[in-house]
Protein backbone atom coordinates (compact mmCIF):
# COMPACT_ATOMS: atom_id res chain seq x y z
CA MET A 1 152.06 72.18 152.44
CA ASN A 2 154.59 72.93 149.73
CA PRO A 3 154.77 76.73 149.12
CA ALA A 4 154.53 76.29 145.34
CA PHE A 5 151.42 74.13 145.67
CA GLN A 6 149.99 76.59 148.18
CA ALA A 7 150.54 79.47 145.73
CA LEU A 8 148.84 77.53 142.92
CA LEU A 9 145.95 76.71 145.24
CA VAL A 10 145.51 80.36 146.19
CA ILE A 11 145.53 81.37 142.51
CA ALA A 12 143.04 78.66 141.61
CA VAL A 13 140.71 79.55 144.50
CA GLY A 14 140.99 83.26 143.76
CA VAL A 15 140.40 83.02 140.03
CA GLY A 16 137.81 80.27 140.43
CA GLY A 17 136.01 82.26 143.09
CA CYS A 18 135.83 85.34 140.85
CA VAL A 19 134.57 83.31 137.88
CA GLY A 20 132.06 81.47 140.06
CA TYR A 21 130.80 84.70 141.64
CA PHE A 22 130.21 86.46 138.33
CA TYR A 23 128.64 83.38 136.70
CA LEU A 24 126.30 82.56 139.61
CA SER A 25 125.35 86.20 140.27
CA ASN A 26 124.44 86.74 136.61
CA LEU A 27 122.54 83.45 136.59
CA PHE A 28 120.58 84.52 139.68
CA LEU A 29 119.92 87.95 138.17
CA ASP A 30 118.69 86.65 134.79
CA LYS A 31 116.86 83.50 135.88
CA VAL A 32 115.49 84.26 139.36
CA LEU A 33 115.42 87.98 140.14
CA PHE A 34 114.54 89.43 136.73
CA PRO A 35 113.67 86.53 134.38
CA ALA A 36 113.37 87.50 130.72
CA ARG A 37 109.96 85.87 130.23
CA GLY A 38 106.31 86.63 130.72
CA PRO A 39 104.55 89.94 130.20
CA GLN A 40 107.28 91.87 132.08
CA ALA A 41 110.15 90.44 130.01
CA GLY A 42 111.28 93.76 128.48
CA ARG A 43 111.08 95.58 131.81
CA ASN A 44 113.02 92.80 133.56
CA ILE A 45 115.77 92.89 130.94
CA ASN A 46 116.19 96.65 131.46
CA ARG A 47 116.27 96.19 135.23
CA ALA A 48 118.83 93.39 134.96
CA ASN A 49 121.05 95.53 132.73
CA ALA A 50 120.82 98.38 135.25
CA VAL A 51 121.78 96.12 138.16
CA ARG A 52 124.50 94.12 136.35
CA PRO A 53 127.29 96.77 136.60
CA TRP A 54 126.79 96.89 140.36
CA LEU A 55 127.35 93.12 140.52
CA PHE A 56 130.78 93.64 138.98
CA LEU A 57 131.55 96.58 141.27
CA PHE A 58 130.31 94.91 144.46
CA PRO A 59 133.48 92.87 145.29
CA ALA A 60 135.73 95.88 144.71
CA MET A 61 133.48 98.12 146.82
CA VAL A 62 133.45 95.60 149.65
CA LEU A 63 137.24 95.30 149.58
CA LEU A 64 137.66 99.08 149.45
CA CYS A 65 135.40 99.49 152.45
CA LEU A 66 137.16 96.68 154.30
CA TYR A 67 140.76 97.66 153.58
CA LEU A 68 140.47 101.42 153.08
CA ALA A 69 137.39 103.04 154.61
CA TYR A 70 137.26 100.96 157.80
CA PRO A 71 140.97 101.49 158.68
CA VAL A 72 140.53 105.26 158.29
CA PHE A 73 137.65 105.38 160.78
CA ALA A 74 139.39 102.89 163.09
CA THR A 75 142.58 104.96 163.04
CA PHE A 76 140.66 108.15 163.77
CA TRP A 77 138.94 106.43 166.72
CA LEU A 78 142.29 105.17 168.04
CA SER A 79 143.72 108.70 167.77
CA LEU A 80 141.15 109.83 170.34
CA HIS A 81 142.42 107.37 172.97
CA GLY A 82 145.47 107.50 175.20
CA LYS A 83 148.26 104.96 175.61
CA ASP A 84 146.28 103.21 178.35
CA GLY A 85 143.14 102.99 176.19
CA SER A 86 141.25 105.81 177.93
CA PHE A 87 139.34 108.36 175.85
CA VAL A 88 141.30 111.64 175.65
CA GLY A 89 139.57 113.39 172.74
CA ALA A 90 141.95 115.80 170.99
CA GLY A 91 144.58 115.32 173.68
CA ASN A 92 146.88 113.30 171.44
CA TYR A 93 146.80 116.00 168.76
CA THR A 94 147.54 118.73 171.31
CA ALA A 95 150.43 116.78 172.83
CA MET A 96 151.78 115.88 169.39
CA PHE A 97 151.89 119.50 168.18
CA GLN A 98 153.77 120.43 171.37
CA GLU A 99 156.51 117.84 170.77
CA PRO A 100 159.73 119.27 169.24
CA LYS A 101 160.22 116.08 167.23
CA PHE A 102 156.83 116.51 165.54
CA GLY A 103 157.69 120.11 164.66
CA GLU A 104 160.98 118.87 163.20
CA SER A 105 159.09 116.23 161.18
CA LEU A 106 156.66 118.82 159.85
CA ARG A 107 159.45 121.22 158.84
CA ASN A 108 161.40 118.48 157.12
CA ASN A 109 158.34 117.29 155.23
CA MET A 110 157.70 120.85 154.03
CA LEU A 111 161.33 121.07 152.88
CA TRP A 112 160.96 117.76 151.05
CA LEU A 113 157.75 119.06 149.45
CA VAL A 114 159.51 122.12 148.11
CA VAL A 115 162.65 120.42 146.80
CA VAL A 116 161.84 116.88 145.65
CA PRO A 117 158.79 117.40 143.36
CA ALA A 118 160.40 120.46 141.76
CA ALA A 119 163.77 118.76 141.21
CA ALA A 120 162.38 115.40 140.04
CA THR A 121 159.88 117.05 137.66
CA GLY A 122 162.50 119.49 136.37
CA PHE A 123 165.12 116.81 135.77
CA GLY A 124 162.49 114.52 134.25
CA LEU A 125 161.35 117.25 131.85
CA LEU A 126 164.95 118.04 130.91
CA ALA A 127 165.73 114.35 130.35
CA ALA A 128 162.54 113.88 128.28
CA GLN A 129 163.43 116.81 126.03
CA LEU A 130 167.10 115.90 125.58
CA THR A 131 166.65 112.15 125.06
CA ASP A 132 164.12 112.80 122.29
CA ARG A 133 166.80 114.71 120.35
CA ILE A 134 169.53 112.03 120.28
CA LYS A 135 169.80 108.76 118.34
CA TRP A 136 170.37 106.57 121.38
CA GLY A 137 167.61 108.29 123.33
CA ASN A 138 165.79 105.02 124.11
CA ILE A 139 168.93 103.58 125.73
CA ALA A 140 169.38 106.76 127.76
CA LYS A 141 165.72 106.62 128.86
CA SER A 142 166.15 103.01 129.96
CA LEU A 143 169.17 103.94 132.10
CA ILE A 144 167.39 106.93 133.66
CA PHE A 145 164.26 104.87 134.32
CA MET A 146 166.22 101.95 135.81
CA PRO A 147 166.19 103.30 139.43
CA MET A 148 162.40 102.89 139.39
CA ALA A 149 163.02 99.13 139.44
CA ILE A 150 164.95 99.43 142.72
CA SER A 151 163.12 99.48 146.04
CA PHE A 152 163.47 102.54 148.27
CA VAL A 153 165.42 100.47 150.80
CA GLY A 154 167.75 99.13 148.09
CA ALA A 155 168.38 102.66 146.78
CA SER A 156 169.00 103.85 150.34
CA VAL A 157 171.65 101.17 150.89
CA ILE A 158 173.37 102.20 147.65
CA PHE A 159 173.45 105.87 148.63
CA LYS A 160 174.49 105.07 152.19
CA LEU A 161 177.61 103.50 150.71
CA VAL A 162 178.09 106.58 148.52
CA TYR A 163 177.97 108.79 151.64
CA ASP A 164 180.12 106.45 153.76
CA SER A 165 182.85 108.10 155.86
CA ARG A 166 186.04 106.60 157.26
CA ASP A 167 189.16 107.93 158.95
CA ALA A 168 191.39 110.09 156.75
CA ALA A 169 194.24 107.59 157.05
CA VAL A 170 192.10 104.79 155.61
CA ALA A 171 191.03 104.41 151.98
CA GLN A 172 187.52 105.77 151.52
CA ILE A 173 184.85 103.45 150.13
CA GLY A 174 182.31 106.28 149.99
CA LEU A 175 182.35 107.86 146.53
CA LEU A 176 181.49 111.34 147.83
CA ASN A 177 184.31 111.40 150.39
CA ALA A 178 186.75 109.93 147.85
CA LEU A 179 185.96 112.89 145.59
CA TRP A 180 185.95 115.38 148.46
CA LEU A 181 189.49 114.47 149.49
CA LYS A 182 190.72 115.34 146.00
CA PHE A 183 190.05 119.02 146.69
CA GLU A 184 192.79 120.90 148.57
CA GLY A 185 191.87 124.56 148.11
CA GLY A 186 193.51 125.17 144.73
CA ILE A 187 192.03 126.55 141.53
CA TRP A 188 189.95 123.43 140.89
CA SER A 189 188.49 123.69 144.37
CA VAL A 190 187.47 127.28 143.66
CA LEU A 191 185.93 126.35 140.32
CA PHE A 192 184.01 123.27 141.49
CA LEU A 193 183.15 124.26 145.06
CA ARG A 194 182.68 128.03 144.69
CA VAL A 195 182.03 129.13 141.11
CA LEU A 196 179.95 126.18 139.88
CA PRO A 197 177.65 126.07 142.96
CA ALA A 198 177.27 129.85 142.78
CA VAL A 199 176.19 129.62 139.14
CA LEU A 200 173.71 126.82 139.90
CA VAL A 201 172.23 128.48 142.99
CA GLY A 202 172.16 131.86 141.26
CA GLY A 203 170.42 130.40 138.22
CA LEU A 204 167.89 128.67 140.47
CA LEU A 205 167.36 131.93 142.37
CA LEU A 206 166.62 133.79 139.14
CA ALA A 207 164.28 130.98 137.98
CA VAL A 208 162.33 131.13 141.27
CA LEU A 209 162.05 134.92 141.08
CA TRP A 210 160.90 134.68 137.45
CA GLY A 211 158.33 132.04 138.37
CA GLY A 212 157.07 134.19 141.24
CA TRP A 213 156.78 137.19 138.92
CA LEU A 214 154.80 135.12 136.39
CA LEU A 215 152.41 134.12 139.17
CA LEU A 216 151.95 137.65 140.51
CA ARG A 217 151.87 139.56 137.20
CA PRO A 218 148.20 138.73 136.42
CA VAL A 219 147.22 139.90 139.92
CA LEU A 220 148.93 143.26 139.38
CA ASP A 221 147.23 143.69 136.00
CA ALA A 222 144.00 145.59 136.74
CA ARG A 223 142.57 144.76 133.30
CA ARG A 224 142.67 141.01 133.93
CA GLN A 225 139.65 139.56 135.74
CA GLU A 226 140.12 136.33 137.72
CA LYS A 227 138.26 134.53 140.46
CA ALA A 228 139.18 135.44 144.02
CA LEU A 229 140.34 131.88 144.76
CA ILE A 230 142.72 131.92 141.77
CA LYS A 231 144.09 135.31 142.84
CA ALA A 232 144.62 134.02 146.38
CA GLY A 233 146.46 130.99 144.99
CA ARG A 234 148.68 133.25 142.88
CA VAL A 235 149.50 135.46 145.86
CA LEU A 236 150.27 132.42 148.01
CA GLY A 237 152.49 130.98 145.27
CA GLY A 238 154.29 134.32 144.94
CA LEU A 239 154.93 134.46 148.70
CA VAL A 240 156.28 130.90 148.67
CA ALA A 241 158.55 131.87 145.76
CA LEU A 242 159.85 134.86 147.75
CA VAL A 243 160.59 132.67 150.78
CA ILE A 244 162.44 130.16 148.60
CA ALA A 245 164.31 133.01 146.87
CA PHE A 246 165.39 134.40 150.26
CA GLU A 247 166.67 130.97 151.32
CA LEU A 248 168.54 130.60 148.03
CA GLY A 249 170.07 134.04 148.57
CA VAL A 250 171.37 132.88 151.96
CA TRP A 251 172.82 129.81 150.25
CA LEU A 252 174.47 131.96 147.59
CA LEU A 253 176.09 134.08 150.28
CA GLY A 254 177.22 130.95 152.09
CA VAL A 255 178.86 129.56 148.93
CA PHE A 256 181.38 132.45 149.04
CA THR A 257 181.76 132.88 152.81
CA ASN A 258 181.80 129.32 154.22
CA VAL A 259 185.17 127.90 155.29
CA LEU A 260 185.45 124.47 153.69
CA PRO A 261 187.14 121.67 155.74
CA TYR A 262 189.56 120.42 153.09
CA GLY A 263 191.38 117.13 153.71
CA ARG A 264 188.90 115.79 156.28
CA PRO A 265 186.32 113.10 155.41
CA GLN A 266 182.79 114.26 156.15
CA ALA A 267 179.97 112.34 157.83
CA TRP A 268 177.48 113.68 155.31
CA LEU A 269 174.40 112.18 156.93
CA GLN A 270 175.23 113.77 160.28
CA ILE A 271 175.41 117.39 159.09
CA PRO A 272 172.17 119.07 160.25
CA PHE A 273 169.96 120.62 157.56
CA TRP A 274 172.19 119.53 154.67
CA ASN A 275 171.75 115.83 155.50
CA SER A 276 168.08 116.18 154.52
CA PHE A 277 169.19 117.14 151.02
CA PHE A 278 171.44 114.08 150.84
CA LEU A 279 168.37 111.98 151.69
CA MET A 280 166.26 113.83 149.12
CA ALA A 281 168.81 112.96 146.44
CA VAL A 282 167.76 109.30 146.73
CA LEU A 283 164.08 110.03 146.01
CA ILE A 284 164.93 112.49 143.23
CA TRP A 285 167.14 109.83 141.63
CA ILE A 286 164.25 107.36 141.71
CA GLN A 287 161.39 109.67 140.69
CA THR A 288 163.21 111.40 137.81
CA GLY A 289 162.69 108.30 135.66
CA PHE A 290 158.96 108.30 136.37
CA ALA A 291 158.65 112.00 135.50
CA MET A 292 160.73 111.52 132.33
CA VAL A 293 158.53 108.72 130.96
CA ILE A 294 155.25 110.60 131.51
CA LEU A 295 156.56 113.93 130.24
CA SER A 296 158.25 112.33 127.25
CA ALA A 297 154.90 110.92 126.14
CA ALA A 298 153.32 114.36 126.65
CA LEU A 299 156.04 116.08 124.59
CA ARG A 300 155.52 113.61 121.76
CA GLY A 301 151.84 114.59 121.79
CA VAL A 302 152.55 118.28 121.14
CA PRO A 303 151.20 119.11 117.63
CA GLU A 304 153.97 119.60 115.08
CA ASP A 305 151.99 122.45 113.52
CA THR A 306 152.57 124.69 116.54
CA ILE A 307 156.31 123.94 116.54
CA GLU A 308 156.63 124.60 112.80
CA ALA A 309 154.72 127.86 113.18
CA ALA A 310 157.07 128.95 115.95
CA ILE A 311 160.11 128.10 113.81
CA LEU A 312 158.70 130.13 110.90
CA ASP A 313 158.19 133.05 113.29
CA GLY A 314 161.90 132.90 114.15
CA ALA A 315 161.69 131.31 117.60
CA ASN A 316 164.89 129.74 118.95
CA PRO A 317 164.96 126.28 120.62
CA PHE A 318 164.60 127.77 124.12
CA GLN A 319 161.57 129.82 123.11
CA ILE A 320 160.01 126.80 121.39
CA PHE A 321 160.50 124.72 124.52
CA PHE A 322 159.37 127.23 127.15
CA LYS A 323 156.70 129.13 125.21
CA VAL A 324 155.28 126.45 122.90
CA LYS A 325 155.84 122.99 124.35
CA VAL A 326 155.70 123.58 128.11
CA PRO A 327 152.38 125.51 128.07
CA GLN A 328 150.75 122.70 126.08
CA ILE A 329 151.86 120.00 128.51
CA MET A 330 151.32 122.04 131.69
CA GLY A 331 148.44 119.77 132.75
CA THR A 332 150.71 116.71 132.59
CA ILE A 333 153.47 118.55 134.46
CA VAL A 334 151.04 119.40 137.26
CA VAL A 335 149.84 115.78 137.47
CA VAL A 336 153.44 114.51 137.67
CA TRP A 337 154.27 117.17 140.27
CA THR A 338 151.32 116.31 142.49
CA THR A 339 151.90 112.56 142.14
CA ILE A 340 155.48 112.97 143.37
CA THR A 341 154.19 115.28 146.11
CA ILE A 342 151.96 112.50 147.44
CA THR A 343 154.95 110.13 147.41
CA VAL A 344 157.00 112.69 149.34
CA LEU A 345 154.33 113.11 152.02
CA LYS A 346 154.47 109.35 152.65
CA VAL A 347 158.28 109.00 152.48
CA PHE A 348 159.48 106.58 155.13
CA ASP A 349 161.82 103.87 153.85
CA ILE A 350 164.66 106.21 152.89
CA VAL A 351 164.80 108.00 156.24
CA LEU A 352 164.45 104.77 158.23
CA ALA A 353 167.20 102.97 156.31
CA MET A 354 169.71 105.84 156.22
CA THR A 355 169.36 107.87 159.44
CA ASN A 356 166.33 106.50 161.32
CA GLY A 357 165.28 110.11 161.90
CA GLN A 358 168.48 111.03 163.76
CA TRP A 359 170.48 114.24 163.26
CA GLU A 360 167.33 116.31 162.64
CA THR A 361 166.11 114.27 159.64
CA GLN A 362 162.82 113.04 161.12
CA VAL A 363 159.77 113.00 158.81
CA LEU A 364 156.08 112.44 159.56
CA ALA A 365 155.87 108.80 158.46
CA ASN A 366 158.94 107.85 160.46
CA TYR A 367 157.57 109.78 163.46
CA MET A 368 154.34 107.79 163.15
CA TYR A 369 156.31 104.51 162.99
CA ASP A 370 158.28 105.42 166.11
CA LYS A 371 155.11 106.15 168.07
CA LEU A 372 153.22 103.07 166.85
CA PHE A 373 155.82 100.31 166.92
CA ARG A 374 158.59 101.55 169.21
CA SER A 375 156.77 103.52 171.87
CA LEU A 376 153.61 101.40 171.40
CA ASP A 377 151.61 104.61 171.76
CA TRP A 378 148.76 103.72 169.40
CA GLY A 379 146.85 106.92 170.12
CA MET A 380 149.72 109.29 169.25
CA GLY A 381 150.78 107.16 166.28
CA SER A 382 147.21 107.14 164.94
CA ALA A 383 147.03 110.91 165.36
CA ALA A 384 150.22 111.25 163.26
CA ALA A 385 148.68 108.95 160.64
CA MET A 386 145.59 111.19 160.49
CA VAL A 387 147.79 114.25 159.98
CA ILE A 388 149.52 112.54 157.05
CA MET A 389 146.15 111.58 155.58
CA ALA A 390 144.88 115.16 156.01
CA LEU A 391 147.89 116.43 154.06
CA VAL A 392 147.65 113.82 151.29
CA THR A 393 143.88 113.80 150.70
CA PRO A 394 143.42 117.34 149.27
CA ILE A 395 146.31 116.85 146.86
CA LEU A 396 144.94 113.46 145.82
CA ILE A 397 141.44 114.85 145.23
CA TRP A 398 142.81 117.76 143.24
CA ASN A 399 144.99 115.39 141.21
CA VAL A 400 142.01 113.18 140.31
CA TRP A 401 139.88 116.24 139.49
CA ASN A 402 142.61 117.67 137.27
CA ALA A 403 143.11 114.31 135.49
CA ARG A 404 139.40 114.03 134.80
CA LYS A 405 139.34 117.59 133.46
CA GLU A 406 142.18 116.73 131.09
CA MET A 407 140.24 113.68 129.83
CA ARG A 408 137.14 115.69 128.94
């Protein structure tokens, strides 16, 4: 059968089936089950109206159960069985947590969770604010949003070419190495590879410390009463901020003490630890456009009255942005942050296309793929899938709850 005709047939059957289902089900409801005639006409009409919404929801509920609920339970059941099909209970989970590669995957995912949502949301917020202040802002927004139209694999291929490395005697096709070979240790090398990174890392370190202080300040204030769960969340956030600040301090020290290999092309994707950041750059590049669009709409919704009042009170542009605009769109920022977090927990395509989990870049989804389709260990792979689901589900529930709260 011709593919075009087959596609038209599928569309016709699908649309016709939906129309036929809704027409016949309503006909059965109104004419057979609860007919609007006789002494019980009014009662039947009310009953039919109560049942009718469930007729519309029924196909979606069946499909959700078939393609979402059933696979979850089936995957959990598979995770309790060994490679030979025998029941092993929690054995797969125990063995998985003892594997060094799983520990590496978990650490890398945590690193991705810290860096990517923060960077993508921050860059998106910055782009949303700046593009709203220039005449050609819509063109700039289109260019920033354009990576969202590229698949993860396509973006990975682009960046793999950017990171490409060849012998020093051969012309470099990788943009990053072509730029790297321009530095030879002179004044420009000091400015771009020492001073500028130190300023950026130092500024980020101060921002993290400031954010941690903002989280912990209400806890230290004895006059402020908050729920125990909120206080625990603030303390946890402050501790995370301190850990990140310590890591940034190590980076800042390394900026001044590391010996840079000038004149030698670098295999960027094979440098342990730092190669994860080169992979993260791909997802940040893609997700910044998404964050910008959502946050731009939120910024446009900030009441002008509050901005005008701040201007009359003598606030400068930075104070207006951080103390007037950002607090009013904090709910949207959190939703964007958590949405990107869910994407990060499921990241797979980028790692598979660029490093395939080699050189200490393994992540949970790629680990699951290796177990399922390379080792054919369905039990261990299913256990990894359940771990990913366990990490994603609380964030997803909280995201939906927060979105509903914003709509009230």
